[in-house]
Amino acid sequence: MTLKKDRDDVYRTDHLYVAAFLICLGHAMIGTSIDGHRVSFVFTQTAKLSSDVASFMSGAAIPARQFCFEILKLKRLLPRSGETVKKNEDAAKIQHYRTTAI
């Protein structure tokens, strides 16, 4: 996991679950950044955020449904390669054919 402080007021993490955890606890994501194929989620650094990251690392619990929902929302921010998109489209066509052919 990469969690780095590149400025005094900003935290970036490329760890999807940490980002979802922080959002569930009320921290606003202020953006994303891309470095090659890696996407980082950017948050405003506060003492509370640092404490909440430590809580994540210690196994703190949060509501599962909200956590899963935040993960889905964050995944939508991730770029997908053209090959992955093509595979997903092909799979959807096959699934559609199977359900309509029955």
N, C-alpha and C. Protein backbone atom coordinates (compact mmCIF):
# COMPACT_ATOMS: atom_id res chain seq x y z
N MET A 1 0.85 -1.17 0.00
CA MET A 1 0.00 0.00 0.00
C MET A 1 0.89 1.23 0.00
N THR A 2 0.49 2.19 -0.78
CA THR A 2 1.21 3.46 -0.78
C THR A 2 0.33 4.50 -0.13
N LEU A 3 0.81 5.04 0.94
CA LEU A 3 0.15 6.17 1.58
C LEU A 3 1.25 7.18 1.79
N LYS A 4 1.22 8.26 1.05
CA LYS A 4 2.32 9.20 1.18
C LYS A 4 1.82 10.61 1.34
N LYS A 5 2.63 11.37 2.01
CA LYS A 5 2.35 12.77 2.23
C LYS A 5 3.30 13.53 1.33
N ASP A 6 2.79 14.11 0.23
CA ASP A 6 3.68 14.81 -0.69
C ASP A 6 3.68 16.31 -0.42
N ARG A 7 2.69 16.79 0.27
CA ARG A 7 2.63 18.17 0.75
C ARG A 7 2.10 18.08 2.17
N ASP A 8 2.23 19.16 2.92
CA ASP A 8 1.77 19.12 4.30
C ASP A 8 0.26 18.96 4.43
N ASP A 9 -0.48 19.31 3.38
CA ASP A 9 -1.94 19.29 3.50
C ASP A 9 -2.62 18.21 2.68
N VAL A 10 -1.84 17.30 2.07
CA VAL A 10 -2.43 16.31 1.16
C VAL A 10 -1.89 14.91 1.46
N TYR A 11 -2.81 13.94 1.49
CA TYR A 11 -2.43 12.52 1.53
C TYR A 11 -2.91 11.86 0.26
N ARG A 12 -2.08 10.99 -0.29
CA ARG A 12 -2.44 10.20 -1.46
C ARG A 12 -2.28 8.74 -1.08
N THR A 13 -3.22 7.93 -1.51
CA THR A 13 -3.09 6.49 -1.33
C THR A 13 -3.57 5.79 -2.59
N ASP A 14 -2.86 4.72 -2.96
CA ASP A 14 -3.32 3.92 -4.09
C ASP A 14 -4.04 2.67 -3.59
N HIS A 15 -4.29 2.63 -2.30
CA HIS A 15 -4.98 1.49 -1.68
C HIS A 15 -6.48 1.75 -1.70
N LEU A 16 -7.18 1.02 -2.54
CA LEU A 16 -8.62 1.21 -2.72
C LEU A 16 -9.39 1.07 -1.40
N TYR A 17 -9.01 0.08 -0.59
CA TYR A 17 -9.76 -0.17 0.64
C TYR A 17 -9.52 0.92 1.68
N VAL A 18 -8.32 1.44 1.75
CA VAL A 18 -8.07 2.56 2.67
C VAL A 18 -8.91 3.76 2.26
N ALA A 19 -8.93 4.04 0.94
CA ALA A 19 -9.72 5.18 0.45
C ALA A 19 -11.20 5.00 0.79
N ALA A 20 -11.74 3.80 0.55
CA ALA A 20 -13.15 3.55 0.86
C ALA A 20 -13.41 3.69 2.35
N PHE A 21 -12.50 3.19 3.16
CA PHE A 21 -12.62 3.28 4.61
C PHE A 21 -12.66 4.74 5.05
N LEU A 22 -11.76 5.55 4.51
CA LEU A 22 -11.72 6.96 4.88
C LEU A 22 -13.00 7.69 4.47
N ILE A 23 -13.51 7.38 3.30
CA ILE A 23 -14.76 8.00 2.85
C ILE A 23 -15.91 7.60 3.77
N CYS A 24 -15.94 6.34 4.17
CA CYS A 24 -16.99 5.88 5.09
C CYS A 24 -16.96 6.63 6.41
N LEU A 25 -15.77 7.06 6.81
CA LEU A 25 -15.64 7.79 8.07
C LEU A 25 -15.84 9.29 7.90
N GLY A 26 -16.20 9.71 6.69
CA GLY A 26 -16.54 11.11 6.49
C GLY A 26 -15.47 11.98 5.87
N HIS A 27 -14.33 11.41 5.51
CA HIS A 27 -13.28 12.19 4.86
C HIS A 27 -13.62 12.38 3.39
N ALA A 28 -13.54 13.60 2.92
CA ALA A 28 -13.86 13.89 1.52
C ALA A 28 -12.63 13.66 0.65
N MET A 29 -12.82 12.89 -0.41
CA MET A 29 -11.75 12.73 -1.38
C MET A 29 -11.73 13.99 -2.23
N ILE A 30 -10.55 14.60 -2.37
CA ILE A 30 -10.48 15.86 -3.10
C ILE A 30 -10.01 15.67 -4.54
N GLY A 31 -9.71 14.43 -4.90
CA GLY A 31 -9.33 14.17 -6.28
C GLY A 31 -8.61 12.86 -6.43
N THR A 32 -8.16 12.62 -7.64
CA THR A 32 -7.34 11.45 -7.96
C THR A 32 -6.13 11.92 -8.74
N SER A 33 -5.10 11.11 -8.75
CA SER A 33 -3.95 11.39 -9.59
C SER A 33 -3.50 10.08 -10.21
N ILE A 34 -2.93 10.17 -11.40
CA ILE A 34 -2.49 8.98 -12.12
C ILE A 34 -0.99 9.07 -12.35
N ASP A 35 -0.31 7.99 -12.03
CA ASP A 35 1.12 7.87 -12.27
C ASP A 35 1.33 6.56 -13.01
N GLY A 36 1.45 6.64 -14.32
CA GLY A 36 1.53 5.43 -15.13
C GLY A 36 0.20 4.72 -15.11
N HIS A 37 0.19 3.48 -14.60
CA HIS A 37 -1.05 2.71 -14.50
C HIS A 37 -1.66 2.77 -13.10
N ARG A 38 -1.03 3.50 -12.20
CA ARG A 38 -1.52 3.57 -10.82
C ARG A 38 -2.34 4.83 -10.59
N VAL A 39 -3.47 4.63 -9.94
CA VAL A 39 -4.34 5.75 -9.56
C VAL A 39 -4.23 5.93 -8.06
N SER A 40 -4.03 7.16 -7.64
CA SER A 40 -4.01 7.48 -6.22
C SER A 40 -5.24 8.31 -5.89
N PHE A 41 -5.76 8.07 -4.71
CA PHE A 41 -6.90 8.82 -4.20
C PHE A 41 -6.35 9.88 -3.26
N VAL A 42 -6.80 11.11 -3.42
CA VAL A 42 -6.21 12.25 -2.72
C VAL A 42 -7.19 12.78 -1.67
N PHE A 43 -6.68 12.98 -0.47
CA PHE A 43 -7.46 13.49 0.65
C PHE A 43 -6.72 14.65 1.30
N THR A 44 -7.47 15.51 1.96
CA THR A 44 -6.86 16.58 2.76
C THR A 44 -6.31 15.96 4.03
N GLN A 45 -5.06 16.25 4.31
CA GLN A 45 -4.42 15.69 5.49
C GLN A 45 -4.89 16.42 6.73
N THR A 46 -5.33 15.64 7.70
CA THR A 46 -5.69 16.17 9.01
C THR A 46 -5.20 15.17 10.06
N ALA A 47 -5.19 15.59 11.29
CA ALA A 47 -4.83 14.66 12.36
C ALA A 47 -5.82 13.51 12.43
N LYS A 48 -7.10 13.82 12.20
CA LYS A 48 -8.15 12.79 12.22
C LYS A 48 -7.91 11.77 11.12
N LEU A 49 -7.53 12.22 9.92
CA LEU A 49 -7.26 11.30 8.82
C LEU A 49 -6.11 10.36 9.20
N SER A 50 -5.04 10.90 9.75
CA SER A 50 -3.91 10.06 10.16
C SER A 50 -4.34 9.03 11.19
N SER A 51 -5.17 9.46 12.12
CA SER A 51 -5.68 8.55 13.14
C SER A 51 -6.56 7.47 12.51
N ASP A 52 -7.39 7.85 11.54
CA ASP A 52 -8.27 6.89 10.89
C ASP A 52 -7.50 5.89 10.03
N VAL A 53 -6.41 6.32 9.40
CA VAL A 53 -5.57 5.39 8.65
C VAL A 53 -4.97 4.37 9.62
N ALA A 54 -4.51 4.83 10.77
CA ALA A 54 -3.97 3.92 11.78
C ALA A 54 -5.05 2.95 12.25
N SER A 55 -6.28 3.43 12.39
CA SER A 55 -7.39 2.57 12.78
C SER A 55 -7.64 1.48 11.73
N PHE A 56 -7.56 1.86 10.45
CA PHE A 56 -7.72 0.87 9.37
C PHE A 56 -6.67 -0.22 9.51
N MET A 57 -5.43 0.20 9.73
CA MET A 57 -4.33 -0.75 9.84
C MET A 57 -4.47 -1.66 11.06
N SER A 58 -5.19 -1.17 12.06
CA SER A 58 -5.40 -1.94 13.29
C SER A 58 -6.64 -2.82 13.23
N GLY A 59 -7.36 -2.76 12.12
CA GLY A 59 -8.53 -3.63 11.96
C GLY A 59 -9.84 -3.04 12.43
N ALA A 60 -9.96 -1.74 12.42
CA ALA A 60 -11.21 -1.10 12.85
C ALA A 60 -12.37 -1.55 11.97
N ALA A 61 -13.55 -1.61 12.55
CA ALA A 61 -14.74 -2.05 11.83
C ALA A 61 -15.60 -0.86 11.41
N ILE A 62 -16.21 -1.00 10.25
CA ILE A 62 -17.18 -0.03 9.74
C ILE A 62 -18.32 -0.82 9.10
N PRO A 63 -19.45 -0.19 8.82
CA PRO A 63 -20.57 -0.91 8.20
C PRO A 63 -20.18 -1.49 6.83
N ALA A 64 -20.37 -2.79 6.68
CA ALA A 64 -19.95 -3.49 5.46
C ALA A 64 -20.65 -2.98 4.21
N ARG A 65 -21.93 -2.74 4.30
CA ARG A 65 -22.68 -2.32 3.11
C ARG A 65 -22.17 -0.97 2.59
N GLN A 66 -21.96 -0.03 3.48
CA GLN A 66 -21.45 1.28 3.08
C GLN A 66 -20.04 1.14 2.49
N PHE A 67 -19.20 0.32 3.11
CA PHE A 67 -17.84 0.08 2.63
C PHE A 67 -17.86 -0.48 1.21
N CYS A 68 -18.69 -1.48 0.97
CA CYS A 68 -18.80 -2.08 -0.37
C CYS A 68 -19.29 -1.06 -1.39
N PHE A 69 -20.25 -0.25 -1.01
CA PHE A 69 -20.79 0.76 -1.91
C PHE A 69 -19.71 1.78 -2.29
N GLU A 70 -18.91 2.19 -1.31
CA GLU A 70 -17.83 3.15 -1.58
C GLU A 70 -16.77 2.53 -2.50
N ILE A 71 -16.47 1.24 -2.32
CA ILE A 71 -15.53 0.56 -3.20
C ILE A 71 -16.04 0.58 -4.64
N LEU A 72 -17.31 0.28 -4.82
CA LEU A 72 -17.89 0.31 -6.18
C LEU A 72 -17.77 1.70 -6.80
N LYS A 73 -18.06 2.73 -6.02
CA LYS A 73 -17.95 4.10 -6.54
C LYS A 73 -16.51 4.44 -6.91
N LEU A 74 -15.57 4.03 -6.08
CA LEU A 74 -14.16 4.32 -6.37
C LEU A 74 -13.68 3.55 -7.60
N LYS A 75 -14.12 2.32 -7.76
CA LYS A 75 -13.71 1.53 -8.93
C LYS A 75 -14.14 2.19 -10.23
N ARG A 76 -15.25 2.92 -10.19
CA ARG A 76 -15.70 3.63 -11.39
C ARG A 76 -14.75 4.75 -11.80
N LEU A 77 -13.91 5.19 -10.87
CA LEU A 77 -12.94 6.23 -11.16
C LEU A 77 -11.66 5.68 -11.80
N LEU A 78 -11.50 4.37 -11.75
CA LEU A 78 -10.27 3.76 -12.26
C LEU A 78 -10.35 3.61 -13.78
N PRO A 79 -9.30 4.01 -14.48
CA PRO A 79 -9.31 3.84 -15.94
C PRO A 79 -9.23 2.36 -16.29
N ARG A 80 -9.88 2.01 -17.38
CA ARG A 80 -9.85 0.62 -17.83
C ARG A 80 -9.20 0.58 -19.19
N SER A 81 -8.41 -0.43 -19.41
CA SER A 81 -7.75 -0.56 -20.70
C SER A 81 -8.78 -0.93 -21.75
N GLY A 82 -8.50 -0.61 -22.99
CA GLY A 82 -9.40 -0.96 -24.09
C GLY A 82 -9.63 -2.45 -24.17
N GLU A 83 -8.62 -3.25 -23.87
CA GLU A 83 -8.76 -4.70 -23.90
C GLU A 83 -9.74 -5.18 -22.85
N THR A 84 -9.68 -4.63 -21.65
CA THR A 84 -10.61 -5.00 -20.59
C THR A 84 -12.03 -4.63 -20.96
N VAL A 85 -12.22 -3.45 -21.52
CA VAL A 85 -13.55 -3.01 -21.94
C VAL A 85 -14.09 -3.96 -23.00
N LYS A 86 -13.27 -4.35 -23.97
CA LYS A 86 -13.70 -5.26 -25.04
C LYS A 86 -14.11 -6.60 -24.46
N LYS A 87 -13.31 -7.15 -23.51
CA LYS A 87 -13.65 -8.43 -22.89
C LYS A 87 -14.99 -8.34 -22.16
N ASN A 88 -15.21 -7.24 -21.44
CA ASN A 88 -16.47 -7.08 -20.71
C ASN A 88 -17.65 -6.95 -21.65
N GLU A 89 -17.48 -6.23 -22.77
CA GLU A 89 -18.55 -6.11 -23.75
C GLU A 89 -18.88 -7.46 -24.37
N ASP A 90 -17.84 -8.24 -24.71
CA ASP A 90 -18.05 -9.57 -25.28
C ASP A 90 -18.77 -10.48 -24.29
N ALA A 91 -18.38 -10.43 -23.03
CA ALA A 91 -19.02 -11.25 -22.01
C ALA A 91 -20.48 -10.85 -21.84
N ALA A 92 -20.78 -9.57 -21.90
CA ALA A 92 -22.17 -9.10 -21.78
C ALA A 92 -23.00 -9.58 -22.96
N LYS A 93 -22.42 -9.58 -24.16
CA LYS A 93 -23.14 -10.06 -25.34
C LYS A 93 -23.45 -11.54 -25.21
N ILE A 94 -22.48 -12.32 -24.74
CA ILE A 94 -22.69 -13.76 -24.56
C ILE A 94 -23.77 -14.00 -23.52
N GLN A 95 -23.71 -13.28 -22.40
CA GLN A 95 -24.71 -13.43 -21.35
C GLN A 95 -26.09 -13.05 -21.86
N HIS A 96 -26.18 -11.98 -22.63
CA HIS A 96 -27.46 -11.55 -23.20
C HIS A 96 -28.01 -12.64 -24.12
N TYR A 97 -27.15 -13.21 -24.94
CA TYR A 97 -27.58 -14.27 -25.86
C TYR A 97 -28.10 -15.47 -25.07
N ARG A 98 -27.39 -15.85 -24.00
CA ARG A 98 -27.80 -17.00 -23.20
C ARG A 98 -29.16 -16.77 -22.55
N THR A 99 -29.42 -15.57 -22.08
CA THR A 99 -30.69 -15.32 -21.40
C THR A 99 -31.84 -15.15 -22.38
N THR A 100 -31.57 -14.69 -23.60
CA THR A 100 -32.65 -14.53 -24.57
C THR A 100 -32.90 -15.80 -25.38
N ALA A 101 -31.92 -16.69 -25.43
CA ALA A 101 -32.06 -17.91 -26.22
C ALA A 101 -32.83 -18.98 -25.46
N ILE A 102 -33.01 -18.80 -24.17
CA ILE A 102 -33.68 -19.82 -23.35
C ILE A 102 -35.17 -19.79 -23.54
